[in-house]
All heavy atoms as atom14 arrays in JSON, in Angstrom:
{
  "sequence": "GLASAMFGSMAVPGTGRAQAKPIRIGVITSLTGFAQIYGDANRIGAE",
  "atom14_mask": [
    [1, 1, 1, 1, 0, 0, 0, 0, 0, 0, 0, 0, 0, 0],
    [1, 1, 1, 1, 1, 1, 1, 1, 0, 0, 0, 0, 0, 0],
    [1, 1, 1, 1, 1, 0, 0, 0, 0, 0, 0, 0, 0, 0],
    [1, 1, 1, 1, 1, 1, 0, 0, 0, 0, 0, 0, 0, 0],
    [1, 1, 1, 1, 1, 0, 0, 0, 0, 0, 0, 0, 0, 0],
    [1, 1, 1, 1, 1, 1, 1, 1, 0, 0, 0, 0, 0, 0],
    [1, 1, 1, 1, 1, 1, 1, 1, 1, 1, 1, 0, 0, 0],
    [1, 1, 1, 1, 0, 0, 0, 0, 0, 0, 0, 0, 0, 0],
    [1, 1, 1, 1, 1, 1, 0, 0, 0, 0, 0, 0, 0, 0],
    [1, 1, 1, 1, 1, 1, 1, 1, 0, 0, 0, 0, 0, 0],
    [1, 1, 1, 1, 1, 0, 0, 0, 0, 0, 0, 0, 0, 0],
    [1, 1, 1, 1, 1, 1, 1, 0, 0, 0, 0, 0, 0, 0],
    [1, 1, 1, 1, 1, 1, 1, 0, 0, 0, 0, 0, 0, 0],
    [1, 1, 1, 1, 0, 0, 0, 0, 0, 0, 0, 0, 0, 0],
    [1, 1, 1, 1, 1, 1, 1, 0, 0, 0, 0, 0, 0, 0],
    [1, 1, 1, 1, 0, 0, 0, 0, 0, 0, 0, 0, 0, 0],
    [1, 1, 1, 1, 1, 1, 1, 1, 1, 1, 1, 0, 0, 0],
    [1, 1, 1, 1, 1, 0, 0, 0, 0, 0, 0, 0, 0, 0],
    [1, 1, 1, 1, 1, 1, 1, 1, 1, 0, 0, 0, 0, 0],
    [1, 1, 1, 1, 1, 0, 0, 0, 0, 0, 0, 0, 0, 0],
    [1, 1, 1, 1, 1, 1, 1, 1, 1, 0, 0, 0, 0, 0],
    [1, 1, 1, 1, 1, 1, 1, 0, 0, 0, 0, 0, 0, 0],
    [1, 1, 1, 1, 1, 1, 1, 1, 0, 0, 0, 0, 0, 0],
    [1, 1, 1, 1, 1, 1, 1, 1, 1, 1, 1, 0, 0, 0],
    [1, 1, 1, 1, 1, 1, 1, 1, 0, 0, 0, 0, 0, 0],
    [1, 1, 1, 1, 0, 0, 0, 0, 0, 0, 0, 0, 0, 0],
    [1, 1, 1, 1, 1, 1, 1, 0, 0, 0, 0, 0, 0, 0],
    [1, 1, 1, 1, 1, 1, 1, 1, 0, 0, 0, 0, 0, 0],
    [1, 1, 1, 1, 1, 1, 1, 0, 0, 0, 0, 0, 0, 0],
    [1, 1, 1, 1, 1, 1, 0, 0, 0, 0, 0, 0, 0, 0],
    [1, 1, 1, 1, 1, 1, 1, 1, 0, 0, 0, 0, 0, 0],
    [1, 1, 1, 1, 1, 1, 1, 0, 0, 0, 0, 0, 0, 0],
    [1, 1, 1, 1, 0, 0, 0, 0, 0, 0, 0, 0, 0, 0],
    [1, 1, 1, 1, 1, 1, 1, 1, 1, 1, 1, 0, 0, 0],
    [1, 1, 1, 1, 1, 0, 0, 0, 0, 0, 0, 0, 0, 0],
    [1, 1, 1, 1, 1, 1, 1, 1, 1, 0, 0, 0, 0, 0],
    [1, 1, 1, 1, 1, 1, 1, 1, 0, 0, 0, 0, 0, 0],
    [1, 1, 1, 1, 1, 1, 1, 1, 1, 1, 1, 1, 0, 0],
    [1, 1, 1, 1, 0, 0, 0, 0, 0, 0, 0, 0, 0, 0],
    [1, 1, 1, 1, 1, 1, 1, 1, 0, 0, 0, 0, 0, 0],
    [1, 1, 1, 1, 1, 0, 0, 0, 0, 0, 0, 0, 0, 0],
    [1, 1, 1, 1, 1, 1, 1, 1, 0, 0, 0, 0, 0, 0],
    [1, 1, 1, 1, 1, 1, 1, 1, 1, 1, 1, 0, 0, 0],
    [1, 1, 1, 1, 1, 1, 1, 1, 0, 0, 0, 0, 0, 0],
    [1, 1, 1, 1, 0, 0, 0, 0, 0, 0, 0, 0, 0, 0],
    [1, 1, 1, 1, 1, 0, 0, 0, 0, 0, 0, 0, 0, 0],
    [1, 1, 1, 1, 1, 1, 1, 1, 1, 0, 0, 0, 0, 0]
  ],
  "atom14_positions": [
    [[67.86, -31.84, -75.05], [67.18, -32.02, -73.63], [68.19, -32.62, -72.76], [68.32, -32.16, -71.56], [0.0, 0.0, 0.0], [0.0, 0.0, 0.0], [0.0, 0.0, 0.0], [0.0, 0.0, 0.0], [0.0, 0.0, 0.0], [0.0, 0.0, 0.0], [0.0, 0.0, 0.0], [0.0, 0.0, 0.0], [0.0, 0.0, 0.0], [0.0, 0.0, 0.0]],
    [[68.96, -33.62, -73.14], [69.98, -34.15, -72.34], [71.14, -33.2, -72.02], [71.65, -33.07, -70.81], [70.63, -35.42, -73.01], [69.72, -36.61, -73.05], [70.37, -37.72, -73.9], [69.31, -37.17, -71.7], [0.0, 0.0, 0.0], [0.0, 0.0, 0.0], [0.0, 0.0, 0.0], [0.0, 0.0, 0.0], [0.0, 0.0, 0.0], [0.0, 0.0, 0.0]],
    [[71.54, -32.41, -72.97], [72.64, -31.5, -72.77], [72.08, -30.35, -71.82], [72.83, -29.86, -71.08], [73.12, -31.0, -74.14], [0.0, 0.0, 0.0], [0.0, 0.0, 0.0], [0.0, 0.0, 0.0], [0.0, 0.0, 0.0], [0.0, 0.0, 0.0], [0.0, 0.0, 0.0], [0.0, 0.0, 0.0], [0.0, 0.0, 0.0], [0.0, 0.0, 0.0]],
    [[70.85, -29.94, -71.99], [70.32, -28.9, -71.16], [70.33, -29.34, -69.66], [70.71, -28.54, -68.77], [68.8, -28.64, -71.61], [68.84, -27.84, -72.81], [0.0, 0.0, 0.0], [0.0, 0.0, 0.0], [0.0, 0.0, 0.0], [0.0, 0.0, 0.0], [0.0, 0.0, 0.0], [0.0, 0.0, 0.0], [0.0, 0.0, 0.0], [0.0, 0.0, 0.0]],
    [[69.98, -30.58, -69.49], [69.96, -31.12, -68.06], [71.38, -31.04, -67.55], [71.46, -30.8, -66.21], [69.58, -32.47, -68.04], [0.0, 0.0, 0.0], [0.0, 0.0, 0.0], [0.0, 0.0, 0.0], [0.0, 0.0, 0.0], [0.0, 0.0, 0.0], [0.0, 0.0, 0.0], [0.0, 0.0, 0.0], [0.0, 0.0, 0.0], [0.0, 0.0, 0.0]],
    [[72.52, -31.12, -68.26], [73.79, -31.15, -67.81], [74.39, -29.72, -67.64], [75.22, -29.39, -66.81], [74.75, -31.95, -68.63], [74.46, -33.47, -68.49], [75.67, -34.29, -69.48], [75.22, -33.99, -71.22], [0.0, 0.0, 0.0], [0.0, 0.0, 0.0], [0.0, 0.0, 0.0], [0.0, 0.0, 0.0], [0.0, 0.0, 0.0], [0.0, 0.0, 0.0]],
    [[74.01, -28.85, -68.61], [74.7, -27.57, -68.82], [73.81, -26.35, -68.81], [74.33, -25.23, -68.5], [75.6, -27.57, -70.0], [76.66, -28.65, -70.01], [76.44, -29.81, -70.81], [77.7, -28.58, -69.13], [77.28, -30.73, -70.81], [78.67, -29.55, -69.12], [78.48, -30.65, -70.03], [0.0, 0.0, 0.0], [0.0, 0.0, 0.0], [0.0, 0.0, 0.0]],
    [[72.65, -26.52, -69.15], [71.83, -25.33, -69.53], [71.3, -24.52, -68.41], [70.81, -23.36, -68.52], [0.0, 0.0, 0.0], [0.0, 0.0, 0.0], [0.0, 0.0, 0.0], [0.0, 0.0, 0.0], [0.0, 0.0, 0.0], [0.0, 0.0, 0.0], [0.0, 0.0, 0.0], [0.0, 0.0, 0.0], [0.0, 0.0, 0.0], [0.0, 0.0, 0.0]],
    [[71.2, -25.02, -67.11], [70.55, -24.5, -66.0], [71.34, -23.51, -65.21], [70.83, -22.78, -64.39], [69.97, -25.57, -65.17], [71.06, -26.31, -64.59], [0.0, 0.0, 0.0], [0.0, 0.0, 0.0], [0.0, 0.0, 0.0], [0.0, 0.0, 0.0], [0.0, 0.0, 0.0], [0.0, 0.0, 0.0], [0.0, 0.0, 0.0], [0.0, 0.0, 0.0]],
    [[72.74, -23.43, -65.43], [73.65, -22.53, -64.64], [74.36, -21.73, -65.51], [75.14, -22.25, -66.36], [74.45, -23.4, -63.71], [73.74, -24.18, -62.56], [74.78, -25.05, -61.6], [75.67, -23.73, -60.82], [0.0, 0.0, 0.0], [0.0, 0.0, 0.0], [0.0, 0.0, 0.0], [0.0, 0.0, 0.0], [0.0, 0.0, 0.0], [0.0, 0.0, 0.0]],
    [[74.34, -20.42, -65.39], [75.09, -19.53, -66.06], [76.48, -19.35, -65.52], [76.56, -19.62, -64.27], [74.46, -18.16, -66.18], [0.0, 0.0, 0.0], [0.0, 0.0, 0.0], [0.0, 0.0, 0.0], [0.0, 0.0, 0.0], [0.0, 0.0, 0.0], [0.0, 0.0, 0.0], [0.0, 0.0, 0.0], [0.0, 0.0, 0.0], [0.0, 0.0, 0.0]],
    [[77.44, -19.08, -66.28], [78.8, -18.84, -65.87], [78.85, -17.32, -65.62], [78.88, -16.57, -66.52], [79.79, -19.3, -66.83], [81.22, -19.05, -66.33], [79.65, -20.79, -67.1], [0.0, 0.0, 0.0], [0.0, 0.0, 0.0], [0.0, 0.0, 0.0], [0.0, 0.0, 0.0], [0.0, 0.0, 0.0], [0.0, 0.0, 0.0], [0.0, 0.0, 0.0]],
    [[79.15, -16.9, -64.35], [79.35, -15.44, -64.08], [80.58, -15.04, -64.93], [81.62, -15.71, -65.1], [79.67, -15.4, -62.61], [79.05, -16.68, -62.06], [79.24, -17.66, -63.1], [0.0, 0.0, 0.0], [0.0, 0.0, 0.0], [0.0, 0.0, 0.0], [0.0, 0.0, 0.0], [0.0, 0.0, 0.0], [0.0, 0.0, 0.0], [0.0, 0.0, 0.0]],
    [[80.43, -13.82, -65.44], [81.49, -13.27, -66.28], [81.39, -11.8, -66.52], [80.72, -11.09, -65.66], [0.0, 0.0, 0.0], [0.0, 0.0, 0.0], [0.0, 0.0, 0.0], [0.0, 0.0, 0.0], [0.0, 0.0, 0.0], [0.0, 0.0, 0.0], [0.0, 0.0, 0.0], [0.0, 0.0, 0.0], [0.0, 0.0, 0.0], [0.0, 0.0, 0.0]],
    [[82.07, -11.19, -67.32], [82.1, -9.79, -67.49], [81.51, -9.46, -68.9], [82.23, -9.65, -69.84], [83.56, -9.26, -67.41], [84.35, -9.93, -68.33], [84.04, -9.5, -65.97], [0.0, 0.0, 0.0], [0.0, 0.0, 0.0], [0.0, 0.0, 0.0], [0.0, 0.0, 0.0], [0.0, 0.0, 0.0], [0.0, 0.0, 0.0], [0.0, 0.0, 0.0]],
    [[80.26, -8.97, -69.0], [79.71, -8.52, -70.12], [79.99, -9.28, -71.34], [79.75, -10.58, -71.39], [0.0, 0.0, 0.0], [0.0, 0.0, 0.0], [0.0, 0.0, 0.0], [0.0, 0.0, 0.0], [0.0, 0.0, 0.0], [0.0, 0.0, 0.0], [0.0, 0.0, 0.0], [0.0, 0.0, 0.0], [0.0, 0.0, 0.0], [0.0, 0.0, 0.0]],
    [[80.51, -8.74, -72.34], [80.69, -9.3, -73.68], [81.71, -10.33, -73.64], [81.67, -11.26, -74.47], [81.05, -8.21, -74.69], [79.95, -7.22, -74.99], [80.25, -6.16, -75.99], [79.17, -5.28, -76.14], [79.32, -4.2, -77.04], [80.43, -3.93, -77.66], [78.29, -3.36, -77.12], [0.0, 0.0, 0.0], [0.0, 0.0, 0.0], [0.0, 0.0, 0.0]],
    [[82.72, -10.26, -72.71], [83.76, -11.3, -72.71], [83.23, -12.63, -72.52], [83.75, -13.75, -72.85], [84.7, -11.07, -71.55], [0.0, 0.0, 0.0], [0.0, 0.0, 0.0], [0.0, 0.0, 0.0], [0.0, 0.0, 0.0], [0.0, 0.0, 0.0], [0.0, 0.0, 0.0], [0.0, 0.0, 0.0], [0.0, 0.0, 0.0], [0.0, 0.0, 0.0]],
    [[81.96, -12.73, -71.84], [81.29, -13.97, -71.51], [81.03, -14.72, -72.86], [80.93, -15.97, -72.8], [80.08, -13.75, -70.73], [79.48, -15.02, -70.25], [78.28, -14.78, -69.4], [77.99, -13.7, -69.05], [77.55, -15.76, -69.07], [0.0, 0.0, 0.0], [0.0, 0.0, 0.0], [0.0, 0.0, 0.0], [0.0, 0.0, 0.0], [0.0, 0.0, 0.0]],
    [[80.73, -13.99, -73.87], [80.36, -14.63, -75.25], [81.53, -15.26, -75.95], [81.3, -16.03, -76.94], [79.69, -13.5, -76.13], [0.0, 0.0, 0.0], [0.0, 0.0, 0.0], [0.0, 0.0, 0.0], [0.0, 0.0, 0.0], [0.0, 0.0, 0.0], [0.0, 0.0, 0.0], [0.0, 0.0, 0.0], [0.0, 0.0, 0.0], [0.0, 0.0, 0.0]],
    [[82.66, -15.06, -75.48], [83.86, -15.72, -76.18], [83.76, -17.2, -76.14], [83.35, -17.69, -74.99], [85.15, -15.26, -75.54], [85.56, -13.81, -75.9], [86.82, -13.49, -75.33], [87.24, -12.02, -75.64], [88.49, -11.52, -75.17], [0.0, 0.0, 0.0], [0.0, 0.0, 0.0], [0.0, 0.0, 0.0], [0.0, 0.0, 0.0], [0.0, 0.0, 0.0]],
    [[84.05, -17.97, -77.03], [83.99, -19.44, -77.01], [84.98, -20.03, -76.01], [86.06, -19.39, -75.8], [84.24, -19.87, -78.41], [84.99, -18.77, -78.95], [84.54, -17.49, -78.4], [0.0, 0.0, 0.0], [0.0, 0.0, 0.0], [0.0, 0.0, 0.0], [0.0, 0.0, 0.0], [0.0, 0.0, 0.0], [0.0, 0.0, 0.0], [0.0, 0.0, 0.0]],
    [[84.68, -21.22, -75.54], [85.66, -21.87, -74.79], [86.3, -22.81, -75.74], [85.77, -23.83, -76.26], [84.93, -22.74, -73.66], [84.2, -21.82, -72.71], [85.87, -23.68, -72.93], [83.2, -22.51, -71.79], [0.0, 0.0, 0.0], [0.0, 0.0, 0.0], [0.0, 0.0, 0.0], [0.0, 0.0, 0.0], [0.0, 0.0, 0.0], [0.0, 0.0, 0.0]],
    [[87.66, -22.55, -75.99], [88.33, -23.29, -76.97], [89.1, -24.4, -76.3], [89.71, -24.31, -75.38], [89.33, -22.33, -77.62], [88.73, -21.13, -78.35], [89.79, -20.21, -78.83], [90.32, -20.72, -80.05], [91.61, -20.44, -80.54], [92.31, -19.56, -79.87], [92.05, -20.92, -81.67], [0.0, 0.0, 0.0], [0.0, 0.0, 0.0], [0.0, 0.0, 0.0]],
    [[88.87, -25.65, -76.89], [89.52, -26.82, -76.38], [90.45, -27.44, -77.51], [89.83, -27.75, -78.57], [88.47, -27.92, -75.95], [87.61, -27.42, -74.84], [89.21, -29.17, -75.54], [86.54, -28.36, -74.49], [0.0, 0.0, 0.0], [0.0, 0.0, 0.0], [0.0, 0.0, 0.0], [0.0, 0.0, 0.0], [0.0, 0.0, 0.0], [0.0, 0.0, 0.0]],
    [[91.66, -27.34, -77.21], [92.57, -27.92, -78.26], [92.61, -29.37, -78.17], [92.95, -30.0, -77.1], [0.0, 0.0, 0.0], [0.0, 0.0, 0.0], [0.0, 0.0, 0.0], [0.0, 0.0, 0.0], [0.0, 0.0, 0.0], [0.0, 0.0, 0.0], [0.0, 0.0, 0.0], [0.0, 0.0, 0.0], [0.0, 0.0, 0.0], [0.0, 0.0, 0.0]],
    [[92.18, -30.08, -79.28], [92.24, -31.54, -79.35], [93.36, -31.98, -80.09], [93.44, -31.82, -81.42], [90.87, -32.04, -79.91], [90.97, -33.57, -80.1], [89.74, -31.64, -79.02], [0.0, 0.0, 0.0], [0.0, 0.0, 0.0], [0.0, 0.0, 0.0], [0.0, 0.0, 0.0], [0.0, 0.0, 0.0], [0.0, 0.0, 0.0], [0.0, 0.0, 0.0]],
    [[94.41, -32.55, -79.52], [95.54, -33.03, -80.27], [95.6, -34.58, -80.25], [95.77, -35.18, -79.29], [96.9, -32.53, -79.51], [96.86, -30.91, -79.33], [98.23, -32.87, -80.24], [98.0, -30.45, -78.47], [0.0, 0.0, 0.0], [0.0, 0.0, 0.0], [0.0, 0.0, 0.0], [0.0, 0.0, 0.0], [0.0, 0.0, 0.0], [0.0, 0.0, 0.0]],
    [[95.3, -35.11, -81.37], [95.17, -36.52, -81.54], [95.66, -36.86, -82.87], [96.17, -36.15, -83.68], [93.73, -36.83, -81.4], [93.57, -38.22, -81.2], [92.92, -36.34, -82.53], [0.0, 0.0, 0.0], [0.0, 0.0, 0.0], [0.0, 0.0, 0.0], [0.0, 0.0, 0.0], [0.0, 0.0, 0.0], [0.0, 0.0, 0.0], [0.0, 0.0, 0.0]],
    [[95.69, -38.26, -83.13], [96.31, -38.87, -84.25], [95.41, -38.87, -85.49], [94.6, -39.81, -85.6], [96.83, -40.25, -83.99], [97.72, -40.21, -82.92], [0.0, 0.0, 0.0], [0.0, 0.0, 0.0], [0.0, 0.0, 0.0], [0.0, 0.0, 0.0], [0.0, 0.0, 0.0], [0.0, 0.0, 0.0], [0.0, 0.0, 0.0], [0.0, 0.0, 0.0]],
    [[95.37, -37.86, -86.41], [94.46, -37.79, -87.5], [95.17, -38.4, -88.65], [94.56, -38.56, -89.69], [94.21, -36.34, -87.77], [93.5, -35.54, -86.53], [93.3, -34.13, -86.92], [92.23, -36.25, -86.15], [0.0, 0.0, 0.0], [0.0, 0.0, 0.0], [0.0, 0.0, 0.0], [0.0, 0.0, 0.0], [0.0, 0.0, 0.0], [0.0, 0.0, 0.0]],
    [[96.49, -38.72, -88.57], [97.22, -39.52, -89.62], [98.08, -40.41, -88.92], [98.3, -40.32, -87.63], [97.96, -38.65, -90.62], [98.98, -37.8, -89.74], [97.16, -37.7, -91.32], [0.0, 0.0, 0.0], [0.0, 0.0, 0.0], [0.0, 0.0, 0.0], [0.0, 0.0, 0.0], [0.0, 0.0, 0.0], [0.0, 0.0, 0.0], [0.0, 0.0, 0.0]],
    [[98.65, -41.33, -89.62], [99.63, -42.25, -88.92], [99.07, -43.64, -88.45], [97.85, -43.79, -88.71], [0.0, 0.0, 0.0], [0.0, 0.0, 0.0], [0.0, 0.0, 0.0], [0.0, 0.0, 0.0], [0.0, 0.0, 0.0], [0.0, 0.0, 0.0], [0.0, 0.0, 0.0], [0.0, 0.0, 0.0], [0.0, 0.0, 0.0], [0.0, 0.0, 0.0]],
    [[99.83, -44.5, -87.81], [99.32, -45.73, -87.51], [98.15, -45.74, -86.57], [97.4, -46.78, -86.42], [100.42, -46.62, -86.93], [100.8, -46.27, -85.51], [100.24, -46.83, -84.43], [101.91, -45.34, -85.31], [100.58, -46.53, -83.05], [102.22, -44.93, -83.9], [101.54, -45.56, -82.82], [0.0, 0.0, 0.0], [0.0, 0.0, 0.0], [0.0, 0.0, 0.0]],
    [[97.94, -44.68, -85.77], [96.88, -44.63, -84.75], [95.7, -43.86, -85.22], [94.88, -43.41, -84.36], [97.47, -44.07, -83.36], [0.0, 0.0, 0.0], [0.0, 0.0, 0.0], [0.0, 0.0, 0.0], [0.0, 0.0, 0.0], [0.0, 0.0, 0.0], [0.0, 0.0, 0.0], [0.0, 0.0, 0.0], [0.0, 0.0, 0.0], [0.0, 0.0, 0.0]],
    [[95.63, -43.66, -86.57], [94.6, -42.74, -87.01], [93.15, -43.17, -86.65], [92.28, -42.42, -86.4], [94.64, -42.65, -88.6], [93.63, -41.61, -89.19], [93.81, -41.54, -90.68], [94.67, -42.16, -91.26], [92.83, -40.91, -91.37], [0.0, 0.0, 0.0], [0.0, 0.0, 0.0], [0.0, 0.0, 0.0], [0.0, 0.0, 0.0], [0.0, 0.0, 0.0]],
    [[92.93, -44.47, -86.81], [91.56, -44.89, -86.49], [91.1, -44.49, -84.99], [89.92, -44.22, -84.77], [91.35, -46.53, -86.68], [92.38, -47.28, -85.79], [91.4, -46.86, -88.07], [92.16, -48.76, -85.86], [0.0, 0.0, 0.0], [0.0, 0.0, 0.0], [0.0, 0.0, 0.0], [0.0, 0.0, 0.0], [0.0, 0.0, 0.0], [0.0, 0.0, 0.0]],
    [[92.07, -44.47, -84.11], [91.73, -44.19, -82.71], [91.69, -42.65, -82.55], [90.85, -42.08, -81.92], [92.7, -44.77, -81.85], [93.03, -46.17, -81.98], [94.31, -46.7, -82.33], [91.94, -47.08, -81.81], [94.49, -48.07, -82.51], [92.12, -48.45, -81.98], [93.45, -48.94, -82.31], [93.56, -50.31, -82.41], [0.0, 0.0, 0.0], [0.0, 0.0, 0.0]],
    [[92.51, -41.92, -83.37], [92.51, -40.48, -83.31], [91.27, -39.89, -83.96], [90.72, -38.97, -83.38], [0.0, 0.0, 0.0], [0.0, 0.0, 0.0], [0.0, 0.0, 0.0], [0.0, 0.0, 0.0], [0.0, 0.0, 0.0], [0.0, 0.0, 0.0], [0.0, 0.0, 0.0], [0.0, 0.0, 0.0], [0.0, 0.0, 0.0], [0.0, 0.0, 0.0]],
    [[90.78, -40.55, -85.06], [89.5, -40.13, -85.62], [88.41, -40.27, -84.59], [87.5, -39.48, -84.6], [89.26, -40.94, -86.91], [90.02, -40.39, -88.08], [90.43, -39.21, -87.99], [90.17, -41.16, -89.06], [0.0, 0.0, 0.0], [0.0, 0.0, 0.0], [0.0, 0.0, 0.0], [0.0, 0.0, 0.0], [0.0, 0.0, 0.0], [0.0, 0.0, 0.0]],
    [[88.5, -41.38, -83.85], [87.42, -41.55, -82.84], [87.53, -40.49, -81.81], [86.42, -40.09, -81.2], [87.6, -42.98, -82.18], [0.0, 0.0, 0.0], [0.0, 0.0, 0.0], [0.0, 0.0, 0.0], [0.0, 0.0, 0.0], [0.0, 0.0, 0.0], [0.0, 0.0, 0.0], [0.0, 0.0, 0.0], [0.0, 0.0, 0.0], [0.0, 0.0, 0.0]],
    [[88.76, -40.12, -81.36], [88.8, -39.02, -80.31], [88.17, -37.76, -81.0], [87.45, -37.06, -80.26], [90.26, -38.72, -80.23], [90.87, -39.55, -78.95], [92.12, -39.61, -78.91], [90.09, -40.09, -78.09], [0.0, 0.0, 0.0], [0.0, 0.0, 0.0], [0.0, 0.0, 0.0], [0.0, 0.0, 0.0], [0.0, 0.0, 0.0], [0.0, 0.0, 0.0]],
    [[88.47, -37.44, -82.19], [87.94, -36.26, -82.82], [86.4, -36.32, -82.89], [85.68, -35.39, -82.48], [88.45, -36.13, -84.3], [87.8, -35.09, -85.02], [88.27, -35.15, -86.58], [88.03, -36.36, -87.17], [86.81, -36.73, -87.7], [85.63, -35.91, -87.5], [86.59, -37.83, -88.31], [0.0, 0.0, 0.0], [0.0, 0.0, 0.0], [0.0, 0.0, 0.0]],
    [[85.79, -37.45, -83.32], [84.42, -37.65, -83.42], [83.78, -37.43, -82.06], [82.72, -36.66, -81.93], [84.05, -39.0, -84.03], [84.42, -39.11, -85.43], [82.54, -39.23, -83.85], [84.42, -40.33, -86.02], [0.0, 0.0, 0.0], [0.0, 0.0, 0.0], [0.0, 0.0, 0.0], [0.0, 0.0, 0.0], [0.0, 0.0, 0.0], [0.0, 0.0, 0.0]],
    [[84.31, -38.08, -81.13], [83.68, -37.93, -79.64], [83.67, -36.57, -79.12], [82.78, -35.99, -78.58], [0.0, 0.0, 0.0], [0.0, 0.0, 0.0], [0.0, 0.0, 0.0], [0.0, 0.0, 0.0], [0.0, 0.0, 0.0], [0.0, 0.0, 0.0], [0.0, 0.0, 0.0], [0.0, 0.0, 0.0], [0.0, 0.0, 0.0], [0.0, 0.0, 0.0]],
    [[84.91, -35.85, -79.29], [84.96, -34.44, -78.91], [84.0, -33.56, -79.64], [83.35, -32.63, -79.1], [86.35, -33.91, -79.12], [0.0, 0.0, 0.0], [0.0, 0.0, 0.0], [0.0, 0.0, 0.0], [0.0, 0.0, 0.0], [0.0, 0.0, 0.0], [0.0, 0.0, 0.0], [0.0, 0.0, 0.0], [0.0, 0.0, 0.0], [0.0, 0.0, 0.0]],
    [[83.93, -33.75, -80.97], [83.01, -32.92, -81.71], [81.5, -33.14, -81.36], [80.74, -32.18, -81.18], [83.14, -33.13, -83.22], [84.52, -32.64, -83.68], [84.76, -33.06, -85.17], [84.07, -33.97, -85.7], [85.76, -32.45, -85.84], [0.0, 0.0, 0.0], [0.0, 0.0, 0.0], [0.0, 0.0, 0.0], [0.0, 0.0, 0.0], [0.0, 0.0, 0.0]]
  ]
}
């Protein structure tokens, strides 16, 4: 319900089937190393 309020009410104009392609977001963060606890948090939030 909350996500629908933010995103579900407006379609993105596009071209036929190309519209179905996912919107890929590259998340580059610290999954190992000294900053891992913060990088894992970045990953969780994005997911």
